[in-house]
Amino acid sequence: MLSISPLYLLYFLPLLVVISLVYGATRHEDLSRILRHAGHTAYWLIAFMGVIFAVLWLVGLLV
């Protein structure tokens, strides 16, 4: 099904953490607000990528 190794999916977690923290740090200076914003950003990114995965999976089933 996947043409690449599933181990590449392990890069998703550190990348998600770094993107969320950097994005939160550009918006706030207080550490608690940065972490809270990073959590919201991580949730948003996971949901967005989940929707994209579902759409591509359905297209793959139909084609």
PDB file of N, CA and C in Angstrom:
ATOM      1  N   MET A   1       0.820  -1.187   0.000  1.00  0.00           N
ATOM      2  CA  MET A   1       0.000   0.000   0.000  1.00  0.00           C
ATOM      3  C   MET A   1       0.869   1.258   0.000  1.00  0.00           C
ATOM      4  N   LEU A   2       1.770   1.384   0.988  1.00  0.00           N
ATOM      5  CA  LEU A   2       2.674   2.525   1.004  1.00  0.00           C
ATOM      6  C   LEU A   2       3.914   2.187   0.205  1.00  0.00           C
ATOM      7  N   SER A   3       4.379   3.123  -0.580  1.00  0.00           N
ATOM      8  CA  SER A   3       5.572   2.874  -1.368  1.00  0.00           C
ATOM      9  C   SER A   3       6.836   3.219  -0.591  1.00  0.00           C
ATOM     10  N   ILE A   4       6.690   3.790   0.609  1.00  0.00           N
ATOM     11  CA  ILE A   4       7.838   4.081   1.454  1.00  0.00           C
ATOM     12  C   ILE A   4       7.707   3.291   2.750  1.00  0.00           C
ATOM     13  N   SER A   5       8.777   3.252   3.492  1.00  0.00           N
ATOM     14  CA  SER A   5       8.762   2.525   4.758  1.00  0.00           C
ATOM     15  C   SER A   5       7.876   3.244   5.772  1.00  0.00           C
ATOM     16  N   PRO A   6       7.100   2.496   6.546  1.00  0.00           N
ATOM     17  CA  PRO A   6       6.283   3.132   7.591  1.00  0.00           C
ATOM     18  C   PRO A   6       7.124   3.829   8.659  1.00  0.00           C
ATOM     19  N   LEU A   7       8.420   3.521   8.711  1.00  0.00           N
ATOM     20  CA  LEU A   7       9.279   4.198   9.678  1.00  0.00           C
ATOM     21  C   LEU A   7       9.402   5.692   9.392  1.00  0.00           C
ATOM     22  N   TYR A   8       9.134   6.095   8.164  1.00  0.00           N
ATOM     23  CA  TYR A   8       9.156   7.520   7.847  1.00  0.00           C
ATOM     24  C   TYR A   8       8.076   8.275   8.608  1.00  0.00           C
ATOM     25  N   LEU A   9       7.037   7.581   9.025  1.00  0.00           N
ATOM     26  CA  LEU A   9       5.981   8.232   9.800  1.00  0.00           C
ATOM     27  C   LEU A   9       6.476   8.644  11.182  1.00  0.00           C
ATOM     28  N   LEU A  10       7.578   8.050  11.648  1.00  0.00           N
ATOM     29  CA  LEU A  10       8.142   8.440  12.939  1.00  0.00           C
ATOM     30  C   LEU A  10       8.698   9.861  12.911  1.00  0.00           C
ATOM     31  N   TYR A  11       9.013  10.372  11.742  1.00  0.00           N
ATOM     32  CA  TYR A  11       9.479  11.754  11.631  1.00  0.00           C
ATOM     33  C   TYR A  11       8.354  12.747  11.877  1.00  0.00           C
ATOM     34  N   PHE A  12       7.132  12.282  11.815  1.00  0.00           N
ATOM     35  CA  PHE A  12       5.982  13.167  11.985  1.00  0.00           C
ATOM     36  C   PHE A  12       5.913  13.748  13.392  1.00  0.00           C
ATOM     37  N   LEU A  13       6.180  12.940  14.411  1.00  0.00           N
ATOM     38  CA  LEU A  13       6.041  13.404  15.794  1.00  0.00           C
ATOM     39  C   LEU A  13       7.020  14.516  16.164  1.00  0.00           C
ATOM     40  N   PRO A  14       8.339  14.355  15.943  1.00  0.00           N
ATOM     41  CA  PRO A  14       9.226  15.471  16.286  1.00  0.00           C
ATOM     42  C   PRO A  14       8.965  16.705  15.432  1.00  0.00           C
ATOM     43  N   LEU A  15       8.612  16.493  14.183  1.00  0.00           N
ATOM     44  CA  LEU A  15       8.307  17.628  13.318  1.00  0.00           C
ATOM     45  C   LEU A  15       7.072  18.367  13.805  1.00  0.00           C
ATOM     46  N   LEU A  16       6.068  17.642  14.237  1.00  0.00           N
ATOM     47  CA  LEU A  16       4.855  18.246  14.779  1.00  0.00           C
ATOM     48  C   LEU A  16       5.163  19.062  16.034  1.00  0.00           C
ATOM     49  N   VAL A  17       5.980  18.516  16.923  1.00  0.00           N
ATOM     50  CA  VAL A  17       6.333  19.217  18.161  1.00  0.00           C
ATOM     51  C   VAL A  17       7.100  20.499  17.854  1.00  0.00           C
ATOM     52  N   VAL A  18       8.087  20.412  16.972  1.00  0.00           N
ATOM     53  CA  VAL A  18       8.901  21.586  16.654  1.00  0.00           C
ATOM     54  C   VAL A  18       8.069  22.666  15.976  1.00  0.00           C
ATOM     55  N   ILE A  19       7.262  22.299  15.007  1.00  0.00           N
ATOM     56  CA  ILE A  19       6.428  23.283  14.315  1.00  0.00           C
ATOM     57  C   ILE A  19       5.475  23.950  15.295  1.00  0.00           C
ATOM     58  N   SER A  20       4.854  23.183  16.161  1.00  0.00           N
ATOM     59  CA  SER A  20       3.897  23.735  17.119  1.00  0.00           C
ATOM     60  C   SER A  20       4.571  24.681  18.103  1.00  0.00           C
ATOM     61  N   LEU A  21       5.736  24.292  18.616  1.00  0.00           N
ATOM     62  CA  LEU A  21       6.432  25.147  19.575  1.00  0.00           C
ATOM     63  C   LEU A  21       6.942  26.433  18.937  1.00  0.00           C
ATOM     64  N   VAL A  22       7.496  26.343  17.753  1.00  0.00           N
ATOM     65  CA  VAL A  22       7.994  27.548  17.086  1.00  0.00           C
ATOM     66  C   VAL A  22       6.842  28.479  16.739  1.00  0.00           C
ATOM     67  N   TYR A  23       5.758  27.935  16.246  1.00  0.00           N
ATOM     68  CA  TYR A  23       4.602  28.773  15.916  1.00  0.00           C
ATOM     69  C   TYR A  23       4.034  29.423  17.170  1.00  0.00           C
ATOM     70  N   GLY A  24       3.973  28.680  18.273  1.00  0.00           N
ATOM     71  CA  GLY A  24       3.494  29.250  19.527  1.00  0.00           C
ATOM     72  C   GLY A  24       4.431  30.315  20.066  1.00  0.00           C
ATOM     73  N   ALA A  25       5.738  30.101  19.912  1.00  0.00           N
ATOM     74  CA  ALA A  25       6.719  31.064  20.414  1.00  0.00           C
ATOM     75  C   ALA A  25       6.725  32.351  19.603  1.00  0.00           C
ATOM     76  N   THR A  26       6.306  32.297  18.354  1.00  0.00           N
ATOM     77  CA  THR A  26       6.245  33.532  17.573  1.00  0.00           C
ATOM     78  C   THR A  26       5.033  34.366  17.942  1.00  0.00           C
ATOM     79  N   ARG A  27       4.070  33.770  18.616  1.00  0.00           N
ATOM     80  CA  ARG A  27       2.849  34.488  18.989  1.00  0.00           C
ATOM     81  C   ARG A  27       2.882  35.006  20.423  1.00  0.00           C
ATOM     82  N   HIS A  28       3.590  34.304  21.318  1.00  0.00           N
ATOM     83  CA  HIS A  28       3.549  34.637  22.743  1.00  0.00           C
ATOM     84  C   HIS A  28       4.959  34.609  23.324  1.00  0.00           C
ATOM     85  N   GLU A  29       5.130  35.255  24.484  1.00  0.00           N
ATOM     86  CA  GLU A  29       6.411  35.206  25.184  1.00  0.00           C
ATOM     87  C   GLU A  29       6.329  34.416  26.479  1.00  0.00           C
ATOM     88  N   ASP A  30       5.160  34.260  27.046  1.00  0.00           N
ATOM     89  CA  ASP A  30       4.980  33.509  28.287  1.00  0.00           C
ATOM     90  C   ASP A  30       4.984  32.014  27.981  1.00  0.00           C
ATOM     91  N   LEU A  31       5.772  31.245  28.763  1.00  0.00           N
ATOM     92  CA  LEU A  31       5.938  29.817  28.481  1.00  0.00           C
ATOM     93  C   LEU A  31       4.626  29.047  28.560  1.00  0.00           C
ATOM     94  N   SER A  32       3.779  29.372  29.525  1.00  0.00           N
ATOM     95  CA  SER A  32       2.515  28.633  29.639  1.00  0.00           C
ATOM     96  C   SER A  32       1.609  28.902  28.439  1.00  0.00           C
ATOM     97  N   ARG A  33       1.615  30.126  27.949  1.00  0.00           N
ATOM     98  CA  ARG A  33       0.807  30.439  26.760  1.00  0.00           C
ATOM     99  C   ARG A  33       1.396  29.798  25.509  1.00  0.00           C
ATOM    100  N   ILE A  34       2.731  29.726  25.444  1.00  0.00           N
ATOM    101  CA  ILE A  34       3.382  29.065  24.309  1.00  0.00           C
ATOM    102  C   ILE A  34       2.982  27.595  24.266  1.00  0.00           C
ATOM    103  N   LEU A  35       3.042  26.925  25.424  1.00  0.00           N
ATOM    104  CA  LEU A  35       2.707  25.497  25.467  1.00  0.00           C
ATOM    105  C   LEU A  35       1.239  25.257  25.159  1.00  0.00           C
ATOM    106  N   ARG A  36       0.369  26.121  25.664  1.00  0.00           N
ATOM    107  CA  ARG A  36      -1.065  25.974  25.385  1.00  0.00           C
ATOM    108  C   ARG A  36      -1.333  26.186  23.892  1.00  0.00           C
ATOM    109  N   HIS A  37      -0.704  27.194  23.309  1.00  0.00           N
ATOM    110  CA  HIS A  37      -0.887  27.459  21.877  1.00  0.00           C
ATOM    111  C   HIS A  37      -0.285  26.336  21.042  1.00  0.00           C
ATOM    112  N   ALA A  38       0.844  25.782  21.504  1.00  0.00           N
ATOM    113  CA  ALA A  38       1.461  24.659  20.791  1.00  0.00           C
ATOM    114  C   ALA A  38       0.543  23.441  20.805  1.00  0.00           C
ATOM    115  N   GLY A  39      -0.146  23.219  21.909  1.00  0.00           N
ATOM    116  CA  GLY A  39      -1.099  22.108  21.975  1.00  0.00           C
ATOM    117  C   GLY A  39      -2.248  22.284  21.003  1.00  0.00           C
ATOM    118  N   HIS A  40      -2.771  23.502  20.932  1.00  0.00           N
ATOM    119  CA  HIS A  40      -3.853  23.777  19.986  1.00  0.00           C
ATOM    120  C   HIS A  40      -3.367  23.627  18.542  1.00  0.00           C
ATOM    121  N   THR A  41      -2.161  24.095  18.276  1.00  0.00           N
ATOM    122  CA  THR A  41      -1.612  23.983  16.925  1.00  0.00           C
ATOM    123  C   THR A  41      -1.383  22.520  16.551  1.00  0.00           C
ATOM    124  N   ALA A  42      -0.866  21.733  17.486  1.00  0.00           N
ATOM    125  CA  ALA A  42      -0.639  20.307  17.221  1.00  0.00           C
ATOM    126  C   ALA A  42      -1.960  19.604  16.930  1.00  0.00           C
ATOM    127  N   TYR A  43      -2.988  19.908  17.713  1.00  0.00           N
ATOM    128  CA  TYR A  43      -4.309  19.316  17.483  1.00  0.00           C
ATOM    129  C   TYR A  43      -4.824  19.689  16.092  1.00  0.00           C
ATOM    130  N   TRP A  44      -4.684  20.961  15.716  1.00  0.00           N
ATOM    131  CA  TRP A  44      -5.147  21.430  14.413  1.00  0.00           C
ATOM    132  C   TRP A  44      -4.392  20.725  13.283  1.00  0.00           C
ATOM    133  N   LEU A  45      -3.074  20.601  13.428  1.00  0.00           N
ATOM    134  CA  LEU A  45      -2.280  19.944  12.386  1.00  0.00           C
ATOM    135  C   LEU A  45      -2.635  18.464  12.241  1.00  0.00           C
ATOM    136  N   ILE A  46      -2.838  17.780  13.365  1.00  0.00           N
ATOM    137  CA  ILE A  46      -3.211  16.360  13.310  1.00  0.00           C
ATOM    138  C   ILE A  46      -4.573  16.192  12.645  1.00  0.00           C
ATOM    139  N   ALA A  47      -5.517  17.051  12.998  1.00  0.00           N
ATOM    140  CA  ALA A  47      -6.852  16.969  12.387  1.00  0.00           C
ATOM    141  C   ALA A  47      -6.781  17.261  10.892  1.00  0.00           C
ATOM    142  N   PHE A  48      -6.031  18.278  10.515  1.00  0.00           N
ATOM    143  CA  PHE A  48      -5.903  18.647   9.105  1.00  0.00           C
ATOM    144  C   PHE A  48      -5.262  17.516   8.302  1.00  0.00           C
ATOM    145  N   MET A  49      -4.186  16.951   8.819  1.00  0.00           N
ATOM    146  CA  MET A  49      -3.518  15.863   8.108  1.00  0.00           C
ATOM    147  C   MET A  49      -4.380  14.602   8.091  1.00  0.00           C
ATOM    148  N   GLY A  50      -5.185  14.394   9.131  1.00  0.00           N
ATOM    149  CA  GLY A  50      -6.109  13.264   9.144  1.00  0.00           C
ATOM    150  C   GLY A  50      -7.171  13.385   8.066  1.00  0.00           C
ATOM    151  N   VAL A  51      -7.680  14.589   7.875  1.00  0.00           N
ATOM    152  CA  VAL A  51      -8.678  14.818   6.823  1.00  0.00           C
ATOM    153  C   VAL A  51      -8.054  14.594   5.450  1.00  0.00           C
ATOM    154  N   ILE A  52      -6.849  15.105   5.249  1.00  0.00           N
ATOM    155  CA  ILE A  52      -6.167  14.900   3.968  1.00  0.00           C
ATOM    156  C   ILE A  52      -5.924  13.408   3.727  1.00  0.00           C
ATOM    157  N   PHE A  53      -5.496  12.689   4.767  1.00  0.00           N
ATOM    158  CA  PHE A  53      -5.285  11.244   4.637  1.00  0.00           C
ATOM    159  C   PHE A  53      -6.574  10.538   4.255  1.00  0.00           C
ATOM    160  N   ALA A  54      -7.675  10.897   4.916  1.00  0.00           N
ATOM    161  CA  ALA A  54      -8.959  10.243   4.633  1.00  0.00           C
ATOM    162  C   ALA A  54      -9.406  10.500   3.201  1.00  0.00           C
ATOM    163  N   VAL A  55      -9.246  11.724   2.733  1.00  0.00           N
ATOM    164  CA  VAL A  55      -9.641  12.052   1.358  1.00  0.00           C
ATOM    165  C   VAL A  55      -8.790  11.271   0.362  1.00  0.00           C
ATOM    166  N   LEU A  56      -7.480  11.259   0.568  1.00  0.00           N
ATOM    167  CA  LEU A  56      -6.608  10.530  -0.353  1.00  0.00           C
ATOM    168  C   LEU A  56      -6.861   9.026  -0.296  1.00  0.00           C
ATOM    169  N   TRP A  57      -7.173   8.504   0.878  1.00  0.00           N
ATOM    170  CA  TRP A  57      -7.474   7.084   1.015  1.00  0.00           C
ATOM    171  C   TRP A  57      -8.755   6.736   0.263  1.00  0.00           C
ATOM    172  N   LEU A  58      -9.779   7.580   0.390  1.00  0.00           N
ATOM    173  CA  LEU A  58     -11.033   7.338  -0.331  1.00  0.00           C
ATOM    174  C   LEU A  58     -10.844   7.445  -1.840  1.00  0.00           C
ATOM    175  N   VAL A  59     -10.062   8.407  -2.277  1.00  0.00           N
ATOM    176  CA  VAL A  59      -9.784   8.537  -3.708  1.00  0.00           C
ATOM    177  C   VAL A  59      -9.041   7.296  -4.198  1.00  0.00           C
ATOM    178  N   GLY A  60      -8.111   6.797  -3.395  1.00  0.00           N
ATOM    179  CA  GLY A  60      -7.379   5.583  -3.759  1.00  0.00           C
ATOM    180  C   GLY A  60      -8.283   4.365  -3.857  1.00  0.00           C
ATOM    181  N   LEU A  61      -9.299   4.297  -3.023  1.00  0.00           N
ATOM    182  CA  LEU A  61     -10.242   3.179  -3.093  1.00  0.00           C
ATOM    183  C   LEU A  61     -11.121   3.255  -4.336  1.00  0.00           C
ATOM    184  N   LEU A  62     -11.462   4.455  -4.732  1.00  0.00           N
ATOM    185  CA  LEU A  62     -12.365   4.636  -5.867  1.00  0.00           C
ATOM    186  C   LEU A  62     -11.662   4.511  -7.210  1.00  0.00           C
ATOM    187  N   VAL A  63     -10.378   4.711  -7.229  1.00  0.00           N
ATOM    188  CA  VAL A  63      -9.648   4.689  -8.508  1.00  0.00           C
ATOM    189  C   VAL A  63      -9.093   3.329  -8.781  1.00  0.00           C
TER     190      VAL A  63
END
